[in-house]
Amino acid sequence: MREAVDAFADHLARVRNRSAHTVRAYVGDLVFLLDHAARMGCAEVADLDLGVVRSWLARQRTTGAARTTMARRAAAARAFSAWAHRAGLLPTDVAAPLASPRAHRELPTVLRADQAATLMQAPALVEDARSGAPPEGPRPSRICPTAPVGSGQGAHAVLLRDRVLLELLYATGVRISEACGLDTADVDHGRRVVRVLGKGSRERSVPYGVPAQRALDEWLRVGRPALAGPGSGDALLLGARGGRLHPTAARRVVAGYAEAAGLPRTTPHGLRHSAATHLLEGGADLRAVQELLGHSSLGSTQIYTHVSVERLRAAYRQAHPRA
């Protein structure tokens, strides 16, 4: 069965053009399924049937697997079954009738516009606090746990990097992997757009505003040259050691400044949610927001309309005398 797993992974990556994350998730699910099938007496892929797949999913349900996990694993089973049937490994597409549990979609947590503005100012306020300069806004409520130690050129460069990271994430709504994957050539300064390579290798252009442009200009003029080294390549955002900024480090940066500013727990994806919600609340067209976010389905974007309606309903209950 190992050969089937490897061939399926190659199909997902090369033919279906799925991301490395999706390939890892689907292959992990498939190994889990085939292990369950082997314990039920299936010696090879051809022995797999709908009953085995359903018992695999039922077992996970009894052990408390989340509905989103169940939905993904059912999708992985259907994808493998269809591929194996086309490849001649299964006599029929056994998982085709498999129903997928509807994933529970919670409303995303978003920052208010004033909270987002506070987060954007956090690196500059940390810099002011270190230099002793009078702050232009309220000081952070506590020391940022991810801010660089010291006041030298390297520390200043990292703060500039943190500032441009936050500005770009909120201005464009890009995913954290997309932001960390940007190269310097992907930035069109004249038109103020970035070229983003998203899921499924789909390319899109996303605009950004003047504050992000200012942060980019200072980063490229002062910050990036101070951190750049032999391993920097063309990466736009660099880590403290000069390599391309890793998404895990970027998540720590966002969470650290949000904590320092006394804001609710915030992630890069939370900034993406916030950007989409604020665009819609400002009157942006839903399909335009879909294009900006790189969603292949409008249904993925429509969740942000629910957020806006909930905020409107909350404001109505608070302010209307007959609410």
Protein backbone atom coordinates (compact mmCIF):
# COMPACT_ATOMS: atom_id res chain seq x y z
CA MET A 1 0.00 0.00 0.00
CA ARG A 2 3.00 2.27 0.45
CA GLU A 3 3.39 2.62 -3.31
CA ALA A 4 -0.23 3.77 -3.60
CA VAL A 5 0.29 6.41 -0.91
CA ASP A 6 3.40 7.78 -2.66
CA ALA A 7 1.68 7.82 -6.05
CA PHE A 8 -1.37 9.60 -4.60
CA ALA A 9 0.87 12.24 -2.98
CA ASP A 10 2.61 12.79 -6.30
CA HIS A 11 -0.79 13.13 -8.03
CA LEU A 12 -1.93 15.76 -5.51
CA ALA A 13 1.25 17.79 -5.86
CA ARG A 14 1.90 17.54 -9.60
CA VAL A 15 -1.50 17.04 -11.22
CA ARG A 16 -3.91 18.67 -8.78
CA ASN A 17 -1.36 21.37 -7.87
CA ARG A 18 -2.30 21.21 -4.19
CA SER A 19 -0.20 23.03 -1.61
CA ALA A 20 2.41 21.18 0.43
CA HIS A 21 0.22 21.66 3.50
CA THR A 22 -2.78 20.02 1.78
CA VAL A 23 -0.65 17.16 0.50
CA ARG A 24 0.69 16.49 4.00
CA ALA A 25 -2.80 16.57 5.50
CA TYR A 26 -4.36 14.28 2.87
CA VAL A 27 -1.46 11.80 2.97
CA GLY A 28 -1.66 11.69 6.76
CA ASP A 29 -5.38 11.00 6.56
CA LEU A 30 -4.82 8.31 3.93
CA VAL A 31 -2.18 6.52 6.03
CA PHE A 32 -4.64 6.62 8.94
CA LEU A 33 -7.38 5.15 6.74
CA LEU A 34 -5.20 2.37 5.27
CA ASP A 35 -3.94 1.44 8.73
CA HIS A 36 -7.56 1.08 9.86
CA ALA A 37 -8.34 -0.95 6.71
CA ALA A 38 -5.41 -3.29 7.36
CA ARG A 39 -6.66 -3.94 10.89
CA MET A 40 -10.04 -4.81 9.37
CA GLY A 41 -8.44 -7.42 7.11
CA CYS A 42 -7.73 -5.45 3.93
CA ALA A 43 -4.47 -6.76 2.51
CA GLU A 44 -4.30 -4.35 -0.44
CA VAL A 45 -5.97 -1.23 -1.78
CA ALA A 46 -8.41 -3.27 -3.90
CA ASP A 47 -9.95 -4.68 -0.69
CA LEU A 48 -11.09 -1.23 0.42
CA ASP A 49 -14.87 -0.70 0.41
CA LEU A 50 -17.40 1.85 1.58
CA GLY A 51 -18.07 0.00 4.83
CA VAL A 52 -14.41 0.23 5.82
CA VAL A 53 -14.29 3.96 5.11
CA ARG A 54 -17.50 4.59 7.05
CA SER A 55 -16.27 2.56 10.02
CA TRP A 56 -13.04 4.59 9.97
CA LEU A 57 -14.97 7.86 10.14
CA ALA A 58 -17.40 6.49 12.74
CA ARG A 59 -14.51 5.49 14.99
CA GLN A 60 -13.11 9.01 14.85
CA ARG A 61 -16.47 10.50 15.66
CA THR A 62 -16.73 8.38 18.81
CA THR A 63 -13.27 9.55 19.90
CA GLY A 64 -14.30 13.21 19.63
CA ALA A 65 -12.72 14.37 16.35
CA ALA A 66 -13.79 17.88 15.38
CA ARG A 67 -16.31 18.29 12.57
CA THR A 68 -13.78 20.22 10.49
CA THR A 69 -11.33 17.33 10.86
CA MET A 70 -14.03 14.83 9.94
CA ALA A 71 -14.95 16.84 6.85
CA ARG A 72 -11.33 17.02 5.69
CA ARG A 73 -10.76 13.30 6.24
CA ALA A 74 -13.90 12.43 4.32
CA ALA A 75 -12.67 14.66 1.47
CA ALA A 76 -9.29 12.92 1.55
CA ALA A 77 -10.97 9.52 1.37
CA ARG A 78 -13.12 10.57 -1.59
CA ALA A 79 -10.12 12.04 -3.41
CA PHE A 80 -8.07 8.88 -2.91
CA SER A 81 -10.94 6.59 -3.90
CA ALA A 82 -11.57 8.51 -7.13
CA TRP A 83 -7.86 8.54 -7.99
CA ALA A 84 -7.37 4.85 -7.14
CA HIS A 85 -10.33 3.88 -9.33
CA ARG A 86 -8.93 5.85 -12.29
CA ALA A 87 -5.50 4.31 -11.67
CA GLY A 88 -6.95 0.80 -11.72
CA LEU A 89 -6.25 0.09 -8.05
CA LEU A 90 -9.93 -0.04 -7.10
CA PRO A 91 -12.63 -1.79 -9.15
CA THR A 92 -15.10 1.00 -8.29
CA ASP A 93 -15.00 4.44 -6.74
CA VAL A 94 -16.03 3.08 -3.35
CA ALA A 95 -16.10 6.42 -1.48
CA ALA A 96 -18.16 8.33 -4.06
CA PRO A 97 -21.43 7.93 -2.04
CA LEU A 98 -19.69 9.03 1.15
CA ALA A 99 -21.48 11.94 2.80
CA SER A 100 -19.26 14.62 4.27
CA PRO A 101 -20.15 16.10 7.66
CA ARG A 102 -20.87 19.79 7.42
CA ALA A 103 -18.03 21.67 9.06
CA HIS A 104 -19.08 24.02 11.84
CA ARG A 105 -17.99 27.52 10.88
CA GLU A 106 -17.47 29.89 13.77
CA LEU A 107 -17.54 33.61 13.21
CA PRO A 108 -13.94 34.82 13.05
CA THR A 109 -12.62 37.07 15.80
CA VAL A 110 -11.75 40.49 14.41
CA LEU A 111 -10.27 43.67 15.80
CA ARG A 112 -12.16 46.94 15.72
CA ALA A 113 -10.71 49.56 13.40
CA ASP A 114 -9.28 51.53 16.36
CA GLN A 115 -7.71 48.36 17.77
CA ALA A 116 -6.12 47.59 14.41
CA ALA A 117 -4.72 51.14 14.33
CA THR A 118 -3.25 50.63 17.81
CA LEU A 119 -1.56 47.43 16.67
CA MET A 120 -0.06 49.15 13.64
CA GLN A 121 1.51 51.79 15.92
CA ALA A 122 2.94 49.28 18.41
CA PRO A 123 6.46 48.85 16.87
CA ALA A 124 6.96 52.62 16.65
CA LEU A 125 5.88 53.04 20.27
CA VAL A 126 8.32 50.33 21.35
CA GLU A 127 11.06 52.21 19.46
CA ASP A 128 10.10 55.49 21.16
CA ALA A 129 10.15 53.79 24.56
CA ARG A 130 13.65 52.43 23.90
CA SER A 131 15.04 55.73 22.63
CA GLY A 132 13.38 57.88 25.30
CA ALA A 133 11.56 59.98 22.69
CA PRO A 134 8.11 61.32 23.64
CA PRO A 135 5.52 58.85 22.28
CA GLU A 136 3.05 60.05 19.64
CA GLY A 137 0.39 57.80 21.11
CA PRO A 138 -0.24 55.75 24.25
CA ARG A 139 2.70 53.61 25.33
CA PRO A 140 2.29 49.83 25.13
CA SER A 141 0.70 48.43 28.28
CA ARG A 142 3.65 46.06 28.70
CA ILE A 143 6.94 45.15 27.05
CA CYS A 144 6.49 43.34 23.76
CA PRO A 145 7.83 39.79 24.33
CA THR A 146 9.03 39.49 20.72
CA ALA A 147 10.60 42.93 20.33
CA PRO A 148 14.40 42.87 19.81
CA VAL A 149 16.67 43.48 22.77
CA GLY A 150 19.01 46.48 22.63
CA SER A 151 18.99 49.71 20.67
CA GLY A 152 21.57 49.09 17.94
CA GLN A 153 21.15 49.09 14.19
CA GLY A 154 20.03 45.45 14.12
CA ALA A 155 17.33 46.00 16.74
CA HIS A 156 16.09 49.07 14.86
CA ALA A 157 15.98 47.06 11.62
CA VAL A 158 13.91 44.32 13.25
CA LEU A 159 11.42 46.90 14.53
CA LEU A 160 11.13 48.30 10.99
CA ARG A 161 10.54 44.74 9.75
CA ASP A 162 7.86 44.19 12.38
CA ARG A 163 6.16 47.43 11.37
CA VAL A 164 6.05 46.55 7.67
CA LEU A 165 4.86 43.03 8.48
CA LEU A 166 1.89 44.32 10.48
CA GLU A 167 1.06 47.02 7.92
CA LEU A 168 1.15 44.58 4.99
CA LEU A 169 -0.93 41.92 6.72
CA TYR A 170 -3.66 44.39 7.62
CA ALA A 171 -3.48 46.48 4.43
CA THR A 172 -3.66 43.53 2.04
CA GLY A 173 -5.35 40.74 4.01
CA VAL A 174 -2.83 38.23 2.64
CA ARG A 175 -2.18 34.91 4.36
CA ILE A 176 0.94 34.74 6.51
CA SER A 177 2.55 32.19 4.17
CA GLU A 178 1.89 34.56 1.26
CA ALA A 179 3.44 37.52 3.09
CA CYS A 180 6.56 35.57 4.05
CA GLY A 181 6.85 34.29 0.48
CA LEU A 182 7.00 37.77 -1.06
CA ASP A 183 10.14 38.84 -2.92
CA THR A 184 11.28 42.42 -3.39
CA ALA A 185 10.31 42.23 -7.08
CA ASP A 186 6.72 41.41 -6.10
CA VAL A 187 6.18 44.98 -4.87
CA ASP A 188 5.04 47.51 -7.46
CA HIS A 189 5.74 50.80 -5.68
CA GLY A 190 4.34 52.95 -8.48
CA ARG A 191 0.89 51.33 -8.45
CA ARG A 192 1.09 50.33 -4.74
CA VAL A 193 0.24 46.67 -5.32
CA VAL A 194 1.91 43.40 -4.36
CA ARG A 195 1.94 40.30 -6.53
CA VAL A 196 0.90 37.35 -4.37
CA LEU A 197 1.21 33.65 -5.11
CA GLY A 198 -1.67 32.02 -3.26
CA LYS A 199 -3.21 28.59 -2.84
CA GLY A 200 -3.04 26.37 -5.88
CA SER A 201 -0.29 28.62 -7.29
CA ARG A 202 -2.96 31.19 -8.20
CA GLU A 203 -1.44 34.62 -8.66
CA ARG A 204 -3.23 37.83 -7.78
CA SER A 205 -2.39 41.50 -7.33
CA VAL A 206 -3.43 43.15 -4.07
CA PRO A 207 -3.33 46.91 -3.42
CA TYR A 208 -2.05 48.52 -0.23
CA GLY A 209 -2.30 52.03 1.18
CA VAL A 210 -0.04 54.93 2.03
CA PRO A 211 0.86 53.83 5.60
CA ALA A 212 2.04 50.46 4.28
CA GLN A 213 3.98 52.24 1.53
CA ARG A 214 5.78 54.40 4.09
CA ALA A 215 6.65 51.34 6.16
CA LEU A 216 7.90 49.54 3.04
CA ASP A 217 10.02 52.49 1.93
CA GLU A 218 11.78 52.78 5.30
CA TRP A 219 12.24 49.01 5.57
CA LEU A 220 13.81 48.75 2.11
CA ARG A 221 15.93 51.86 2.59
CA VAL A 222 17.16 51.28 6.15
CA GLY A 223 15.98 48.02 7.70
CA ARG A 224 16.49 45.35 5.06
CA PRO A 225 20.07 46.36 4.16
CA ALA A 226 21.00 46.12 7.86
CA LEU A 227 19.74 42.53 8.12
CA ALA A 228 20.53 41.24 4.63
CA GLY A 229 23.19 38.58 4.26
CA PRO A 230 24.32 35.82 1.91
CA GLY A 231 21.20 33.79 2.60
CA SER A 232 18.70 36.61 2.06
CA GLY A 233 18.18 36.13 -1.66
CA ASP A 234 15.29 38.20 -2.97
CA ALA A 235 13.11 37.76 0.13
CA LEU A 236 11.19 40.89 1.05
CA LEU A 237 10.84 40.12 4.76
CA LEU A 238 13.92 38.90 6.62
CA GLY A 239 14.50 37.28 9.97
CA ALA A 240 16.99 38.62 12.49
CA ARG A 241 19.71 36.37 11.00
CA GLY A 242 19.15 37.51 7.45
CA GLY A 243 17.17 34.57 6.07
CA ARG A 244 13.60 34.71 4.78
CA LEU A 245 11.17 35.39 7.62
CA HIS A 246 9.46 32.15 8.70
CA PRO A 247 5.66 32.14 9.21
CA THR A 248 6.06 30.78 12.75
CA ALA A 249 8.28 33.72 13.69
CA ALA A 250 5.84 36.12 12.02
CA ARG A 251 2.97 34.70 14.08
CA ARG A 252 4.96 35.33 17.26
CA VAL A 253 5.58 38.92 16.16
CA VAL A 254 1.87 39.61 15.63
CA ALA A 255 0.83 37.95 18.89
CA GLY A 256 3.60 39.72 20.83
CA TYR A 257 2.68 43.23 19.74
CA ALA A 258 -1.02 42.58 20.31
CA GLU A 259 -0.23 41.41 23.83
CA ALA A 260 2.01 44.42 24.46
CA ALA A 261 -0.72 46.79 23.27
CA GLY A 262 -3.32 45.17 25.55
CA LEU A 263 -5.39 43.91 22.61
CA PRO A 264 -7.30 40.62 22.37
CA ARG A 265 -5.25 37.62 21.30
CA THR A 266 -4.44 38.29 17.65
CA THR A 267 -2.98 36.14 14.89
CA PRO A 268 -2.02 36.93 11.30
CA HIS A 269 -5.21 35.20 10.20
CA GLY A 270 -7.10 37.44 12.62
CA LEU A 271 -5.65 40.46 10.81
CA ARG A 272 -6.84 38.90 7.54
CA HIS A 273 -10.32 38.57 9.04
CA SER A 274 -10.15 42.16 10.28
CA ALA A 275 -9.09 43.52 6.89
CA ALA A 276 -11.94 41.71 5.11
CA THR A 277 -14.54 42.79 7.67
CA HIS A 278 -13.45 46.43 7.62
CA LEU A 279 -13.51 46.46 3.81
CA LEU A 280 -17.09 45.18 3.76
CA GLU A 281 -18.17 47.55 6.52
CA GLY A 282 -16.69 50.36 4.46
CA GLY A 283 -18.85 49.45 1.48
CA ALA A 284 -16.56 47.19 -0.57
CA ASP A 285 -18.19 44.76 -2.98
CA LEU A 286 -18.19 41.14 -1.80
CA ARG A 287 -16.69 39.85 -5.05
CA ALA A 288 -13.93 42.46 -4.89
CA VAL A 289 -13.08 41.25 -1.38
CA GLN A 290 -13.13 37.66 -2.67
CA GLU A 291 -10.56 38.61 -5.30
CA LEU A 292 -8.38 40.46 -2.81
CA LEU A 293 -8.35 37.53 -0.38
CA GLY A 294 -7.72 34.96 -3.08
CA HIS A 295 -10.78 32.85 -2.25
CA SER A 296 -11.70 30.37 -4.99
CA SER A 297 -15.29 30.27 -3.72
CA LEU A 298 -17.53 33.20 -2.83
CA GLY A 299 -18.87 31.09 0.04
CA SER A 300 -15.53 31.44 1.82
CA THR A 301 -15.84 35.22 1.68
CA GLN A 302 -19.48 35.39 2.75
CA ILE A 303 -18.61 34.55 6.36
CA TYR A 304 -17.38 38.14 6.72
CA THR A 305 -20.85 39.45 5.93
CA HIS A 306 -22.04 37.51 8.98
CA VAL A 307 -19.45 39.30 11.11
CA SER A 308 -20.64 42.68 9.87
CA VAL A 309 -24.29 41.82 10.52
CA GLU A 310 -23.46 40.67 14.05
CA ARG A 311 -21.71 43.98 14.75
CA LEU A 312 -24.65 45.89 13.32
CA ARG A 313 -27.06 43.88 15.46
CA ALA A 314 -24.97 44.51 18.59
CA ALA A 315 -24.88 48.26 17.88
CA TYR A 316 -28.64 48.25 17.30
CA ARG A 317 -29.32 46.48 20.61
CA GLN A 318 -27.09 48.93 22.43
CA ALA A 319 -28.35 52.14 20.83
CA HIS A 320 -31.97 51.75 19.71
CA PRO A 321 -34.57 52.64 22.37
CA ARG A 322 -36.91 49.87 21.20
CA ALA A 323 -34.29 47.19 20.62
